[in-house]
C-alpha atoms as a PDB file:
ATOM      1  CA  UNK A   1       2.047   3.375 -18.601  1.00  0.00           C
ATOM      2  CA  UNK A   2       1.205   0.501 -16.497  1.00  0.00           C
ATOM      3  CA  UNK A   3      -2.108   1.329 -15.210  1.00  0.00           C
ATOM      4  CA  UNK A   4      -3.328  -0.012 -12.108  1.00  0.00           C
ATOM      5  CA  UNK A   5      -7.138  -0.838 -12.598  1.00  0.00           C
ATOM      6  CA  UNK A   6      -9.075  -3.742 -11.172  1.00  0.00           C
ATOM      7  CA  UNK A   7      -7.926  -6.541 -12.667  1.00  0.00           C
ATOM      8  CA  UNK A   8      -4.073  -5.568 -12.497  1.00  0.00           C
ATOM      9  CA  UNK A   9      -4.263  -4.682  -9.046  1.00  0.00           C
ATOM     10  CA  UNK A  10      -6.022  -8.205  -7.900  1.00  0.00           C
ATOM     11  CA  UNK A  11      -3.339  -9.641 -10.174  1.00  0.00           C
ATOM     12  CA  UNK A  12      -0.197  -7.950  -8.330  1.00  0.00           C
ATOM     13  CA  UNK A  13      -1.905  -9.161  -5.550  1.00  0.00           C
ATOM     14  CA  UNK A  14      -2.141 -13.011  -6.361  1.00  0.00           C
ATOM     15  CA  UNK A  15       1.548 -12.234  -7.678  1.00  0.00           C
ATOM     16  CA  UNK A  16       3.052 -10.590  -4.167  1.00  0.00           C
ATOM     17  CA  UNK A  17       1.233 -13.438  -2.445  1.00  0.00           C
ATOM     18  CA  UNK A  18       2.829 -16.056  -4.095  1.00  0.00           C
ATOM     19  CA  UNK A  19       6.686 -14.369  -3.931  1.00  0.00           C
ATOM     20  CA  UNK A  20       6.105 -13.942  -0.226  1.00  0.00           C
ATOM     21  CA  UNK A  21       4.959 -17.672   0.487  1.00  0.00           C
ATOM     22  CA  UNK A  22       8.357 -18.596  -1.399  1.00  0.00           C
ATOM     23  CA  UNK A  23      10.954 -19.089   0.717  1.00  0.00           C
ATOM     24  CA  UNK A  24      13.393 -18.803  -1.970  1.00  0.00           C
ATOM     25  CA  UNK A  25      12.626 -15.334  -2.100  1.00  0.00           C
ATOM     26  CA  UNK A  26      13.853 -13.077  -0.058  1.00  0.00           C
ATOM     27  CA  UNK A  27      13.212  -9.588  -1.318  1.00  0.00           C
ATOM     28  CA  UNK A  28      10.905  -8.551  -3.960  1.00  0.00           C
ATOM     29  CA  UNK A  29      11.251  -5.617  -6.022  1.00  0.00           C
ATOM     30  CA  UNK A  30       8.788  -3.996  -7.870  1.00  0.00           C
ATOM     31  CA  UNK A  31       9.517  -1.493 -11.152  1.00  0.00           C
ATOM     32  CA  UNK A  32       7.284  -0.583 -14.227  1.00  0.00           C
ATOM     33  CA  UNK A  33       7.914  -1.668 -17.795  1.00  0.00           C
ATOM     34  CA  UNK A  34       9.046   0.606 -20.506  1.00  0.00           C
ATOM     35  CA  UNK A  35       9.238   4.206 -19.682  1.00  0.00           C
ATOM     36  CA  UNK A  36       7.107   4.997 -16.328  1.00  0.00           C
ATOM     37  CA  UNK A  37       6.547   2.934 -12.880  1.00  0.00           C
ATOM     38  CA  UNK A  38       2.680   3.751 -13.097  1.00  0.00           C
ATOM     39  CA  UNK A  39       0.614   6.573 -14.357  1.00  0.00           C
ATOM     40  CA  UNK A  40      -2.217   5.482 -11.947  1.00  0.00           C
ATOM     41  CA  UNK A  41      -5.457   4.194 -12.908  1.00  0.00           C
ATOM     42  CA  UNK A  42      -7.127   3.383 -16.407  1.00  0.00           C
ATOM     43  CA  UNK A  43      -9.183   6.518 -17.287  1.00  0.00           C
ATOM     44  CA  UNK A  44     -11.668   4.929 -19.588  1.00  0.00           C
ATOM     45  CA  UNK A  45     -12.287   2.207 -16.808  1.00  0.00           C
ATOM     46  CA  UNK A  46     -11.878   4.281 -13.935  1.00  0.00           C
ATOM     47  CA  UNK A  47     -14.830   6.318 -15.632  1.00  0.00           C
ATOM     48  CA  UNK A  48     -17.220   3.122 -16.071  1.00  0.00           C
ATOM     49  CA  UNK A  49     -16.552   1.888 -12.324  1.00  0.00           C
ATOM     50  CA  UNK A  50     -17.572   5.250 -10.783  1.00  0.00           C
ATOM     51  CA  UNK A  51     -21.127   5.217 -12.144  1.00  0.00           C
ATOM     52  CA  UNK A  52     -21.334   1.880 -10.524  1.00  0.00           C
ATOM     53  CA  UNK A  53     -22.103   2.764  -6.860  1.00  0.00           C
ATOM     54  CA  UNK A  54     -21.733  -1.111  -6.121  1.00  0.00           C
ATOM     55  CA  UNK A  55     -18.605  -1.727  -8.176  1.00  0.00           C
ATOM     56  CA  UNK A  56     -16.289   1.434  -7.131  1.00  0.00           C
ATOM     57  CA  UNK A  57     -16.304   0.497  -3.317  1.00  0.00           C
ATOM     58  CA  UNK A  58     -15.550  -2.989  -4.173  1.00  0.00           C
ATOM     59  CA  UNK A  59     -12.816  -2.214  -6.446  1.00  0.00           C
ATOM     60  CA  UNK A  60     -11.098   0.618  -3.645  1.00  0.00           C
ATOM     61  CA  UNK A  61     -11.310  -2.235  -1.456  1.00  0.00           C
ATOM     62  CA  UNK A  62      -9.656  -4.588  -3.275  1.00  0.00           C
ATOM     63  CA  UNK A  63      -6.865  -2.212  -4.075  1.00  0.00           C
ATOM     64  CA  UNK A  64      -6.433  -0.991  -0.293  1.00  0.00           C
ATOM     65  CA  UNK A  65      -6.229  -4.785   0.284  1.00  0.00           C
ATOM     66  CA  UNK A  66      -3.517  -5.483  -2.147  1.00  0.00           C
ATOM     67  CA  UNK A  67      -1.451  -2.418  -0.956  1.00  0.00           C
ATOM     68  CA  UNK A  68      -1.955  -3.211   2.611  1.00  0.00           C
ATOM     69  CA  UNK A  69      -0.972  -6.864   2.711  1.00  0.00           C
ATOM     70  CA  UNK A  70       2.677  -5.482   1.397  1.00  0.00           C
ATOM     71  CA  UNK A  71       3.312  -4.294   4.877  1.00  0.00           C
ATOM     72  CA  UNK A  72       2.118  -8.074   6.022  1.00  0.00           C
ATOM     73  CA  UNK A  73       4.607  -9.825   4.079  1.00  0.00           C
ATOM     74  CA  UNK A  74       7.579 -10.981   5.774  1.00  0.00           C
ATOM     75  CA  UNK A  75       9.860  -9.792   3.221  1.00  0.00           C
ATOM     76  CA  UNK A  76      11.286  -6.158   2.250  1.00  0.00           C
ATOM     77  CA  UNK A  77       9.258  -4.717  -1.118  1.00  0.00           C
ATOM     78  CA  UNK A  78      11.534  -2.240  -2.552  1.00  0.00           C
ATOM     79  CA  UNK A  79      10.030   0.145  -5.324  1.00  0.00           C
ATOM     80  CA  UNK A  80      12.495   0.605  -8.478  1.00  0.00           C
ATOM     81  CA  UNK A  81      10.745   3.804  -9.403  1.00  0.00           C
ATOM     82  CA  UNK A  82      11.447   4.786 -13.197  1.00  0.00           C
ATOM     83  CA  UNK A  83       9.701   7.323 -14.922  1.00  0.00           C
ATOM     84  CA  UNK A  84       6.308   8.674 -13.573  1.00  0.00           C
ATOM     85  CA  UNK A  85       4.966   7.275 -10.993  1.00  0.00           C
ATOM     86  CA  UNK A  86       1.430   9.010  -9.991  1.00  0.00           C
ATOM     87  CA  UNK A  87      -1.914   8.037  -8.646  1.00  0.00           C
ATOM     88  CA  UNK A  88      -2.040   4.382  -8.058  1.00  0.00           C
ATOM     89  CA  UNK A  89       1.959   4.469  -8.895  1.00  0.00           C
ATOM     90  CA  UNK A  90       2.684   6.742  -6.132  1.00  0.00           C
ATOM     91  CA  UNK A  91       0.489   4.586  -3.773  1.00  0.00           C
ATOM     92  CA  UNK A  92       1.958   1.728  -4.394  1.00  0.00           C
ATOM     93  CA  UNK A  93       5.924   3.171  -3.822  1.00  0.00           C
ATOM     94  CA  UNK A  94       4.140   4.553  -0.448  1.00  0.00           C
ATOM     95  CA  UNK A  95       3.087   0.558   0.380  1.00  0.00           C
ATOM     96  CA  UNK A  96       6.471  -0.494  -0.404  1.00  0.00           C
ATOM     97  CA  UNK A  97       9.189  -0.548   2.393  1.00  0.00           C
ATOM     98  CA  UNK A  98      11.556   1.805   0.537  1.00  0.00           C
ATOM     99  CA  UNK A  99      12.000   3.367  -2.425  1.00  0.00           C
ATOM    100  CA  UNK A 100      14.541   4.261  -5.129  1.00  0.00           C
ATOM    101  CA  UNK A 101      14.177   6.739  -7.537  1.00  0.00           C
ATOM    102  CA  UNK A 102      15.950   6.816 -11.186  1.00  0.00           C
ATOM    103  CA  UNK A 103      17.384  10.072 -12.418  1.00  0.00           C
ATOM    104  CA  UNK A 104      14.533  10.456 -14.858  1.00  0.00           C
ATOM    105  CA  UNK A 105      11.767   9.668 -12.180  1.00  0.00           C
ATOM    106  CA  UNK A 106       8.777  12.216 -11.329  1.00  0.00           C
ATOM    107  CA  UNK A 107       6.368  11.270  -8.599  1.00  0.00           C
ATOM    108  CA  UNK A 108       3.046  12.921  -7.383  1.00  0.00           C
ATOM    109  CA  UNK A 109      -0.574  12.683  -6.690  1.00  0.00           C
ATOM    110  CA  UNK A 110      -2.463  14.457  -9.382  1.00  0.00           C
ATOM    111  CA  UNK A 111      -5.873  13.117  -8.290  1.00  0.00           C
ATOM    112  CA  UNK A 112      -7.294  16.524  -7.667  1.00  0.00           C
ATOM    113  CA  UNK A 113      -6.593  18.607 -11.159  1.00  0.00           C
ATOM    114  CA  UNK A 114      -9.160  16.085 -12.438  1.00  0.00           C
ATOM    115  CA  UNK A 115     -11.551  16.390 -10.070  1.00  0.00           C
ATOM    116  CA  UNK A 116     -10.579  13.122  -8.676  1.00  0.00           C
ATOM    117  CA  UNK A 117      -9.602  12.231  -4.754  1.00  0.00           C
ATOM    118  CA  UNK A 118      -6.649   9.375  -3.679  1.00  0.00           C
ATOM    119  CA  UNK A 119      -8.639   6.225  -2.883  1.00  0.00           C
ATOM    120  CA  UNK A 120      -5.996   3.381  -2.493  1.00  0.00           C
ATOM    121  CA  UNK A 121      -3.991   4.885   0.189  1.00  0.00           C
ATOM    122  CA  UNK A 122      -2.376   8.090  -0.784  1.00  0.00           C
ATOM    123  CA  UNK A 123      -4.518  10.643   1.672  1.00  0.00           C
ATOM    124  CA  UNK A 124      -3.629   8.316   4.785  1.00  0.00           C
ATOM    125  CA  UNK A 125      -0.026   7.187   3.922  1.00  0.00           C
ATOM    126  CA  UNK A 126       1.522  10.042   2.323  1.00  0.00           C
ATOM    127  CA  UNK A 127       1.412  12.677   5.369  1.00  0.00           C
ATOM    128  CA  UNK A 128       2.865   9.921   7.427  1.00  0.00           C
ATOM    129  CA  UNK A 129       5.771   9.635   4.822  1.00  0.00           C
ATOM    130  CA  UNK A 130       6.294  13.303   4.157  1.00  0.00           C
ATOM    131  CA  UNK A 131       4.935  15.052   7.076  1.00  0.00           C
ATOM    132  CA  UNK A 132       1.174  16.576   7.317  1.00  0.00           C
ATOM    133  CA  UNK A 133       2.362  20.200   5.401  1.00  0.00           C
ATOM    134  CA  UNK A 134       4.149  18.281   2.915  1.00  0.00           C
ATOM    135  CA  UNK A 135       1.600  16.086   1.806  1.00  0.00           C
ATOM    136  CA  UNK A 136      -1.286  18.977   1.685  1.00  0.00           C
ATOM    137  CA  UNK A 137       1.308  20.833  -0.470  1.00  0.00           C
ATOM    138  CA  UNK A 138       1.410  17.514  -2.950  1.00  0.00           C
ATOM    139  CA  UNK A 139      -1.890  16.837  -2.969  1.00  0.00           C
ATOM    140  CA  UNK A 140      -3.518  20.164  -3.326  1.00  0.00           C
ATOM    141  CA  UNK A 141      -1.407  21.279  -5.901  1.00  0.00           C
ATOM    142  CA  UNK A 142      -1.578  18.335  -8.038  1.00  0.00           C
ATOM    143  CA  UNK A 143       2.599  18.883  -9.315  1.00  0.00           C
ATOM    144  CA  UNK A 144       5.119  15.962  -9.583  1.00  0.00           C
ATOM    145  CA  UNK A 145       8.047  16.195  -7.797  1.00  0.00           C
ATOM    146  CA  UNK A 146      11.770  15.526  -9.442  1.00  0.00           C
ATOM    147  CA  UNK A 147      13.662  12.712  -7.927  1.00  0.00           C
ATOM    148  CA  UNK A 148      16.176  14.738  -5.761  1.00  0.00           C
ATOM    149  CA  UNK A 149      13.173  16.561  -4.463  1.00  0.00           C
ATOM    150  CA  UNK A 150      11.289  13.217  -3.487  1.00  0.00           C
ATOM    151  CA  UNK A 151      14.586  11.785  -1.963  1.00  0.00           C
ATOM    152  CA  UNK A 152      14.842  15.358   0.282  1.00  0.00           C
ATOM    153  CA  UNK A 153      11.450  14.797   1.708  1.00  0.00           C
ATOM    154  CA  UNK A 154      11.983  11.386   2.251  1.00  0.00           C
ATOM    155  CA  UNK A 155       9.600   9.570  -0.278  1.00  0.00           C
ATOM    156  CA  UNK A 156      12.762   7.616  -2.025  1.00  0.00           C
ATOM    157  CA  UNK A 157      15.496   6.636  -0.046  1.00  0.00           C
ATOM    158  CA  UNK A 158      17.931   7.667  -3.089  1.00  0.00           C
ATOM    159  CA  UNK A 159      18.731   8.823  -6.451  1.00  0.00           C
ATOM    160  CA  UNK A 160      20.608   6.971  -9.234  1.00  0.00           C
ATOM    161  CA  UNK A 161      21.069   7.139 -12.971  1.00  0.00           C
ATOM    162  CA  UNK A 162      18.622   5.698 -15.138  1.00  0.00           C
ATOM    163  CA  UNK A 163      20.992   2.880 -16.033  1.00  0.00           C
ATOM    164  CA  UNK A 164      21.886   2.213 -12.537  1.00  0.00           C
ATOM    165  CA  UNK A 165      18.128   1.539 -10.980  1.00  0.00           C
ATOM    166  CA  UNK A 166      18.045  -2.416 -11.679  1.00  0.00           C
ATOM    167  CA  UNK A 167      21.582  -2.563 -10.836  1.00  0.00           C
ATOM    168  CA  UNK A 168      21.061  -0.915  -7.570  1.00  0.00           C
ATOM    169  CA  UNK A 169      17.582  -2.856  -6.514  1.00  0.00           C
ATOM    170  CA  UNK A 170      19.505  -6.139  -7.225  1.00  0.00           C
ATOM    171  CA  UNK A 171      22.325  -4.691  -4.910  1.00  0.00           C
ATOM    172  CA  UNK A 172      20.126  -4.440  -1.731  1.00  0.00           C
ATOM    173  CA  UNK A 173      18.688  -7.224  -2.587  1.00  0.00           C
ATOM    174  CA  UNK A 174      21.456  -9.297  -2.599  1.00  0.00           C
ATOM    175  CA  UNK A 175      23.074  -7.693   0.778  1.00  0.00           C
ATOM    176  CA  UNK A 176      19.325  -8.298   2.169  1.00  0.00           C
ATOM    177  CA  UNK A 177      19.464 -11.948   1.259  1.00  0.00           C
ATOM    178  CA  UNK A 178      22.651 -12.391   3.055  1.00  0.00           C
ATOM    179  CA  UNK A 179      20.925 -12.134   6.422  1.00  0.00           C
ATOM    180  CA  UNK A 180      18.733 -14.045   8.516  1.00  0.00           C
ATOM    181  CA  UNK A 181      15.430 -14.301   6.963  1.00  0.00           C
ATOM    182  CA  UNK A 182      13.877 -14.472  10.075  1.00  0.00           C
ATOM    183  CA  UNK A 183      15.775 -11.648  11.563  1.00  0.00           C
ATOM    184  CA  UNK A 184      14.546  -9.649   8.854  1.00  0.00           C
ATOM    185  CA  UNK A 185      10.934 -10.265   8.812  1.00  0.00           C
ATOM    186  CA  UNK A 186      11.032  -9.414  12.482  1.00  0.00           C
ATOM    187  CA  UNK A 187      12.877  -6.170  12.034  1.00  0.00           C
ATOM    188  CA  UNK A 188       9.900  -5.443   9.071  1.00  0.00           C
ATOM    189  CA  UNK A 189       7.224  -6.126  11.872  1.00  0.00           C
ATOM    190  CA  UNK A 190       8.756  -4.340  14.675  1.00  0.00           C
ATOM    191  CA  UNK A 191       9.372  -1.422  12.197  1.00  0.00           C
ATOM    192  CA  UNK A 192       5.928  -1.106  10.945  1.00  0.00           C
ATOM    193  CA  UNK A 193       4.383  -1.739  14.223  1.00  0.00           C
ATOM    194  CA  UNK A 194       4.330   1.841  15.066  1.00  0.00           C
ATOM    195  CA  UNK A 195       3.320   2.921  11.530  1.00  0.00           C
ATOM    196  CA  UNK A 196       0.613   0.460  10.811  1.00  0.00           C
ATOM    197  CA  UNK A 197      -0.547  -0.674  14.102  1.00  0.00           C
ATOM    198  CA  UNK A 198      -2.065   1.774  16.821  1.00  0.00           C
ATOM    199  CA  UNK A 199      -1.663   4.938  15.010  1.00  0.00           C
ATOM    200  CA  UNK A 200      -5.245   4.902  13.494  1.00  0.00           C
ATOM    201  CA  UNK A 201      -4.070   3.946   9.857  1.00  0.00           C
ATOM    202  CA  UNK A 202      -6.729   1.188   9.492  1.00  0.00           C
ATOM    203  CA  UNK A 203      -9.668   3.896  10.332  1.00  0.00           C
ATOM    204  CA  UNK A 204      -8.022   6.317   8.221  1.00  0.00           C
ATOM    205  CA  UNK A 205      -8.007   3.878   5.005  1.00  0.00           C
ATOM    206  CA  UNK A 206     -11.501   2.715   5.716  1.00  0.00           C
ATOM    207  CA  UNK A 207     -12.700   6.169   5.696  1.00  0.00           C
ATOM    208  CA  UNK A 208     -10.052   7.265   2.674  1.00  0.00           C
ATOM    209  CA  UNK A 209     -11.865   4.302   0.919  1.00  0.00           C
ATOM    210  CA  UNK A 210     -15.619   5.608   1.700  1.00  0.00           C
ATOM    211  CA  UNK A 211     -15.025   9.280   0.861  1.00  0.00           C
ATOM    212  CA  UNK A 212     -13.636   8.665  -1.948  1.00  0.00           C
ATOM    213  CA  UNK A 213     -16.199   6.128  -2.953  1.00  0.00           C
ATOM    214  CA  UNK A 214     -19.160   8.410  -2.386  1.00  0.00           C
ATOM    215  CA  UNK A 215     -17.325  11.465  -4.206  1.00  0.00           C
ATOM    216  CA  UNK A 216     -16.582   9.835  -6.798  1.00  0.00           C
ATOM    217  CA  UNK A 217     -19.981   8.178  -7.183  1.00  0.00           C
ATOM    218  CA  UNK A 218     -21.910  11.107  -6.858  1.00  0.00           C
ATOM    219  CA  UNK A 219     -20.385  14.168  -7.762  1.00  0.00           C
ATOM    220  CA  UNK A 220     -20.812  15.847 -10.947  1.00  0.00           C
ATOM    221  CA  UNK A 221     -17.390  17.511 -10.237  1.00  0.00           C
ATOM    222  CA  UNK A 222     -15.953  13.687 -10.434  1.00  0.00           C
ATOM    223  CA  UNK A 223     -17.345  13.024 -14.132  1.00  0.00           C
ATOM    224  CA  UNK A 224     -16.819  15.960 -14.941  1.00  0.00           C
ATOM    225  CA  UNK A 225     -13.115  15.940 -14.632  1.00  0.00           C
ATOM    226  CA  UNK A 226     -12.736  12.598 -16.006  1.00  0.00           C
ATOM    227  CA  UNK A 227     -14.884  13.812 -19.314  1.00  0.00           C
ATOM    228  CA  UNK A 228     -12.398  16.520 -19.822  1.00  0.00           C
ATOM    229  CA  UNK A 229      -9.317  14.457 -19.503  1.00  0.00           C
ATOM    230  CA  UNK A 230     -10.807  12.013 -22.072  1.00  0.00           C
ATOM    231  CA  UNK A 231     -11.960  14.905 -24.335  1.00  0.00           C
ATOM    232  CA  UNK A 232      -8.771  16.896 -24.057  1.00  0.00           C
ATOM    233  CA  UNK A 233     -10.337  19.894 -22.484  1.00  0.00           C
ATOM    234  CA  UNK A 234     -10.149  22.358 -19.321  1.00  0.00           C
ATOM    235  CA  UNK A 235     -12.507  21.043 -16.715  1.00  0.00           C
ATOM    236  CA  UNK A 236     -15.661  23.470 -15.383  1.00  0.00           C
ATOM    237  CA  UNK A 237     -15.772  22.343 -11.615  1.00  0.00           C
ATOM    238  CA  UNK A 238     -19.433  23.557 -10.532  1.00  0.00           C
ATOM    239  CA  UNK A 239     -18.416  22.274  -6.607  1.00  0.00           C
ATOM    240  CA  UNK A 240     -22.072  19.820  -7.186  1.00  0.00           C
END
């Protein structure tokens, strides 16, 4: 299910850095192996991390760094969303320049049902992508969006048949590759300027990271949510 744990996140960052530095690469397409884009974090590793007050904030900071750098790369990053994209999966989508979804895609956050908080950027980036009302609905409910609804909300640019997802990504990349890479890089910089610069996004990401780290490390509810998931039972949240 392509979980995004600490090691995977760092390896993604290394690969992204290499692709961004390669002058032969004009567009980077990101998709998932198998039936899912990404089902979020590895629950067992996440549970262990939450009990470490030093490593958990470092993990969130590293993950934020990987996702935030996507906006700084001079090349467009397109998410080709196949299957489930949840938690870290939706955060990766939000970090990319645009997304195309397959007909079988399902997109959501789903942290709160397990007593967790999004810590990889979803709480900061989602309201800017779909508006505050829809962001609150998706975060608070924990529900999954069908691809057509995700397109209607502006979370993905369009929906294609499952077997057309990769060809659609190749077609987009081929079209962009015909254009001046310098012009594309400058256009991306200007498009992202209002979104990433001067609009409080750095402060928002820092607040999200610090709040999530404090809650997940110290809260009984956070630990109960992960334990209930592992034991396949309904969590008993106490508000502590």
